[in-house]
N, C-alpha and C. Protein backbone atom coordinates (compact mmCIF):
# COMPACT_ATOMS: atom_id res chain seq x y z
N UNK A 1 -26.93 130.77 -99.19
CA UNK A 1 -27.75 129.51 -99.06
C UNK A 1 -29.00 129.25 -99.50
N UNK A 2 -29.44 127.74 -100.39
CA UNK A 2 -30.64 127.62 -101.07
C UNK A 2 -31.30 127.16 -99.84
N UNK A 3 -33.06 127.04 -99.63
CA UNK A 3 -33.47 126.76 -98.84
C UNK A 3 -34.09 125.12 -99.16
N UNK A 4 -34.12 124.45 -97.86
CA UNK A 4 -34.12 122.82 -98.09
C UNK A 4 -35.04 122.73 -98.62
N UNK A 5 -35.18 121.91 -99.69
CA UNK A 5 -37.09 121.20 -99.75
C UNK A 5 -37.18 120.85 -98.48
N UNK A 6 -39.24 120.75 -98.88
CA UNK A 6 -39.77 119.99 -97.50
C UNK A 6 -39.37 118.68 -97.50
N UNK A 7 -38.97 117.58 -96.54
CA UNK A 7 -39.53 115.99 -96.49
C UNK A 7 -37.78 115.49 -97.10
N UNK A 8 -36.62 116.72 -96.91
CA UNK A 8 -35.29 116.32 -96.51
C UNK A 8 -34.82 116.58 -95.31
N UNK A 9 -33.98 115.58 -95.03
CA UNK A 9 -33.29 115.70 -93.95
C UNK A 9 -31.45 116.14 -93.79
N UNK A 10 -31.15 116.30 -93.04
CA UNK A 10 -29.30 116.91 -93.28
C UNK A 10 -28.99 115.56 -93.57
N UNK A 11 -28.78 114.14 -93.98
CA UNK A 11 -28.45 113.29 -94.43
C UNK A 11 -28.46 113.11 -95.82
N UNK A 12 -29.63 113.81 -96.48
CA UNK A 12 -30.04 113.93 -97.76
C UNK A 12 -30.85 112.89 -98.14
N UNK A 13 -31.23 112.00 -96.82
CA UNK A 13 -32.95 111.44 -97.20
C UNK A 13 -33.78 111.32 -97.40
N UNK A 14 -34.58 110.98 -98.05
CA UNK A 14 -35.92 111.66 -98.53
C UNK A 14 -36.75 110.59 -97.17
N UNK A 15 -38.01 111.98 -95.99
CA UNK A 15 -38.53 111.39 -95.34
C UNK A 15 -39.78 111.71 -95.76
N UNK A 16 -40.76 111.02 -96.44
CA UNK A 16 -42.24 111.05 -96.82
C UNK A 16 -42.74 111.12 -95.47
N UNK A 17 -44.09 111.77 -95.43
CA UNK A 17 -44.99 111.50 -94.60
C UNK A 17 -45.60 110.76 -94.33
N UNK A 18 -46.26 110.00 -92.94
CA UNK A 18 -47.17 108.56 -92.81
C UNK A 18 -48.35 108.69 -93.64
N UNK A 19 -49.26 107.95 -93.68
CA UNK A 19 -50.69 108.40 -93.89
C UNK A 19 -51.41 108.57 -92.74
N UNK A 20 -50.98 108.47 -91.30
CA UNK A 20 -51.41 108.93 -89.91
C UNK A 20 -50.81 110.38 -90.58
N UNK A 21 -50.38 111.03 -90.60
CA UNK A 21 -49.00 112.13 -90.70
C UNK A 21 -50.21 113.32 -91.58
N UNK A 22 -50.69 112.53 -92.85
CA UNK A 22 -51.64 112.64 -93.67
C UNK A 22 -53.01 112.99 -93.54
N UNK A 23 -53.34 112.20 -92.65
CA UNK A 23 -54.58 112.29 -92.07
C UNK A 23 -54.93 113.64 -90.51
N UNK A 24 -54.23 113.00 -89.77
CA UNK A 24 -53.92 114.56 -89.29
C UNK A 24 -54.32 115.62 -89.98
N UNK A 25 -53.45 115.41 -90.75
CA UNK A 25 -52.95 117.12 -91.36
C UNK A 25 -54.09 117.23 -92.08
N UNK A 26 -54.70 116.96 -92.74
CA UNK A 26 -56.07 116.96 -93.04
C UNK A 26 -57.72 117.32 -92.16
N UNK A 27 -57.54 116.48 -91.21
CA UNK A 27 -58.42 117.23 -90.37
C UNK A 27 -57.37 118.50 -89.65
N UNK A 28 -56.66 118.61 -89.27
CA UNK A 28 -56.41 120.03 -88.87
C UNK A 28 -56.80 120.93 -89.69
N UNK A 29 -56.53 120.95 -91.13
CA UNK A 29 -56.90 121.80 -91.89
C UNK A 29 -58.42 121.72 -92.39
N UNK A 30 -59.14 120.37 -91.98
CA UNK A 30 -60.38 120.68 -92.51
C UNK A 30 -61.29 121.73 -90.84
N UNK A 31 -60.62 121.18 -89.41
CA UNK A 31 -61.26 121.94 -88.48
C UNK A 31 -60.98 123.18 -88.67
N UNK A 32 -60.07 123.62 -89.19
CA UNK A 32 -59.45 125.18 -89.17
C UNK A 32 -60.65 126.08 -90.10
N UNK A 33 -60.84 125.05 -90.99
CA UNK A 33 -62.03 125.90 -92.61
C UNK A 33 -63.06 125.31 -91.50
N UNK A 34 -63.68 124.63 -91.18
CA UNK A 34 -64.51 125.07 -90.75
C UNK A 34 -64.88 125.67 -89.37
N UNK A 35 -63.99 125.70 -88.52
CA UNK A 35 -64.38 126.92 -87.57
C UNK A 35 -64.57 128.06 -87.99
N UNK A 36 -64.20 128.46 -89.49
CA UNK A 36 -63.96 130.35 -89.73
C UNK A 36 -65.53 129.99 -90.22
N UNK A 37 -65.91 128.65 -90.59
CA UNK A 37 -67.46 128.76 -91.45
C UNK A 37 -68.10 128.45 -90.54
N UNK A 38 -67.28 128.69 -89.22
CA UNK A 38 -68.91 128.43 -88.10
C UNK A 38 -69.01 129.83 -87.02
N UNK A 39 -67.86 129.73 -87.32
CA UNK A 39 -68.00 131.41 -86.84
C UNK A 39 -68.73 132.47 -87.65
N UNK A 40 -68.07 132.43 -89.11
CA UNK A 40 -69.13 133.24 -89.81
C UNK A 40 -70.64 133.03 -89.78
N UNK A 41 -71.22 131.43 -90.67
CA UNK A 41 -72.52 131.68 -90.29
C UNK A 41 -73.09 131.19 -88.40
N UNK A 42 -72.31 130.85 -87.84
CA UNK A 42 -73.01 130.96 -86.93
C UNK A 42 -72.72 132.58 -86.04
N UNK A 43 -72.18 133.38 -86.30
CA UNK A 43 -71.90 134.84 -85.96
C UNK A 43 -73.35 135.43 -86.71
N UNK A 44 -73.23 135.04 -87.66
CA UNK A 44 -74.86 135.68 -88.84
C UNK A 44 -75.76 135.60 -88.24
N UNK A 45 -76.14 133.75 -87.54
CA UNK A 45 -77.68 133.14 -87.09
C UNK A 45 -77.50 133.83 -85.72
N UNK A 46 -76.72 133.61 -85.03
CA UNK A 46 -77.14 134.50 -83.44
C UNK A 46 -77.26 135.88 -83.52
N UNK A 47 -76.70 136.53 -84.43
CA UNK A 47 -76.97 137.82 -84.59
C UNK A 47 -78.39 138.60 -85.17
N UNK A 48 -78.41 137.38 -85.81
CA UNK A 48 -79.74 137.49 -86.68
C UNK A 48 -81.31 137.54 -85.48
N UNK A 49 -80.94 136.67 -84.89
CA UNK A 49 -81.85 136.10 -83.62
C UNK A 49 -81.98 137.11 -82.57
N UNK A 50 -80.98 137.43 -82.48
CA UNK A 50 -81.04 139.33 -81.45
C UNK A 50 -80.15 138.57 -80.27
N UNK A 51 -79.46 137.68 -80.22
CA UNK A 51 -78.55 136.88 -78.86
C UNK A 51 -77.44 138.03 -78.29
N UNK A 52 -76.70 138.17 -77.89
CA UNK A 52 -76.49 139.25 -76.48
C UNK A 52 -75.47 138.42 -75.33
N UNK A 53 -74.39 138.77 -76.06
CA UNK A 53 -73.40 138.33 -74.14
C UNK A 53 -73.47 137.06 -74.26
N UNK A 54 -73.65 136.59 -73.21
CA UNK A 54 -73.25 134.87 -73.02
C UNK A 54 -74.14 133.89 -74.08
N UNK A 55 -75.27 134.15 -74.21
CA UNK A 55 -76.12 133.18 -75.26
C UNK A 55 -75.39 133.36 -76.55
N UNK A 56 -74.33 134.67 -77.12
CA UNK A 56 -74.36 134.64 -78.40
C UNK A 56 -72.72 134.04 -78.43
N UNK A 57 -71.97 134.04 -77.32
CA UNK A 57 -70.68 133.33 -77.09
C UNK A 57 -71.15 132.00 -76.94
N UNK A 58 -72.00 130.87 -76.23
CA UNK A 58 -72.86 129.67 -76.34
C UNK A 58 -72.95 129.30 -77.39
N UNK A 59 -73.52 130.37 -78.42
CA UNK A 59 -73.97 128.99 -79.75
C UNK A 59 -72.90 129.62 -80.61
N UNK A 60 -72.44 130.43 -80.49
CA UNK A 60 -71.35 131.10 -81.43
C UNK A 60 -70.08 129.27 -81.23
N UNK A 61 -69.95 129.01 -79.97
CA UNK A 61 -68.92 128.48 -80.01
C UNK A 61 -70.07 126.58 -79.79
N UNK A 62 -70.50 126.52 -80.14
CA UNK A 62 -71.51 125.55 -80.77
C UNK A 62 -71.22 124.90 -81.82
N UNK A 63 -71.67 126.56 -82.80
CA UNK A 63 -71.54 126.65 -84.31
C UNK A 63 -70.07 126.14 -84.47
N UNK A 64 -69.01 126.63 -84.36
CA UNK A 64 -67.50 126.68 -84.57
C UNK A 64 -67.24 125.26 -84.21
N UNK A 65 -67.46 124.45 -82.84
CA UNK A 65 -67.34 123.16 -82.62
C UNK A 65 -67.47 122.13 -83.36
N UNK A 66 -68.89 122.50 -84.21
CA UNK A 66 -70.10 121.46 -84.89
C UNK A 66 -69.16 121.35 -86.04
N UNK A 67 -68.95 123.11 -86.94
CA UNK A 67 -68.49 123.03 -87.93
C UNK A 67 -67.02 122.44 -88.40
N UNK A 68 -66.74 122.59 -87.28
CA UNK A 68 -64.62 122.30 -87.08
C UNK A 68 -64.92 120.73 -86.80
N UNK A 69 -65.38 120.25 -86.36
CA UNK A 69 -65.20 118.72 -86.14
C UNK A 69 -65.89 117.70 -87.40
N UNK A 70 -67.44 118.84 -87.68
CA UNK A 70 -67.79 117.97 -89.06
C UNK A 70 -66.66 117.92 -89.87
N UNK A 71 -66.69 119.30 -90.09
CA UNK A 71 -65.58 119.23 -91.58
C UNK A 71 -64.28 119.06 -91.52
N UNK A 72 -63.73 118.65 -90.70
CA UNK A 72 -62.46 117.95 -90.27
C UNK A 72 -62.53 116.66 -90.67
N UNK A 73 -63.44 115.71 -90.00
CA UNK A 73 -63.12 114.77 -90.21
C UNK A 73 -63.97 113.79 -91.27
N UNK A 74 -64.38 114.96 -92.59
CA UNK A 74 -64.05 114.49 -93.65
C UNK A 74 -63.58 115.15 -94.39
N UNK A 75 -62.10 115.88 -94.01
CA UNK A 75 -61.35 116.21 -94.82
C UNK A 75 -60.39 115.29 -93.71
N UNK A 76 -60.64 114.45 -93.18
CA UNK A 76 -59.46 113.09 -92.48
C UNK A 76 -59.86 111.96 -93.58
N UNK A 77 -60.89 112.10 -93.52
CA UNK A 77 -61.32 110.58 -94.53
C UNK A 77 -61.01 110.49 -95.68
N UNK A 78 -61.24 111.56 -96.55
CA UNK A 78 -60.68 111.87 -97.88
C UNK A 78 -58.81 111.71 -97.88
N UNK A 79 -58.50 112.75 -96.79
CA UNK A 79 -57.12 111.97 -97.18
C UNK A 79 -56.56 110.54 -96.82
N UNK A 80 -57.49 109.68 -96.16
CA UNK A 80 -56.90 108.75 -95.43
C UNK A 80 -57.61 107.52 -96.75
N UNK A 81 -58.25 107.91 -97.68
CA UNK A 81 -58.73 107.27 -99.31
C UNK A 81 -57.60 107.41 -99.73
N UNK A 82 -57.08 108.51 -99.86
CA UNK A 82 -55.79 109.21 -100.54
C UNK A 82 -55.11 108.10 -100.60
N UNK A 83 -54.47 108.00 -99.60
CA UNK A 83 -52.83 107.79 -98.62
C UNK A 83 -53.03 105.98 -99.33
């Protein structure tokens, strides 16, 4: 049996994602990419300054949330503009 294309229901009607769904998806993708970027750059920065243990985790956590939130916001705005 062939795979069902995305956006189709069992009745054969097309359900397109709403604008809000697209903005949520944009934020989620942006937050994920930002988190990875925060892990990489925050980790290098923290290790370069010689942080260990609790200070390392605190600095990494702040970098991850900051980068994820910033990039997620910009991706959500970009997705909203495209709606």
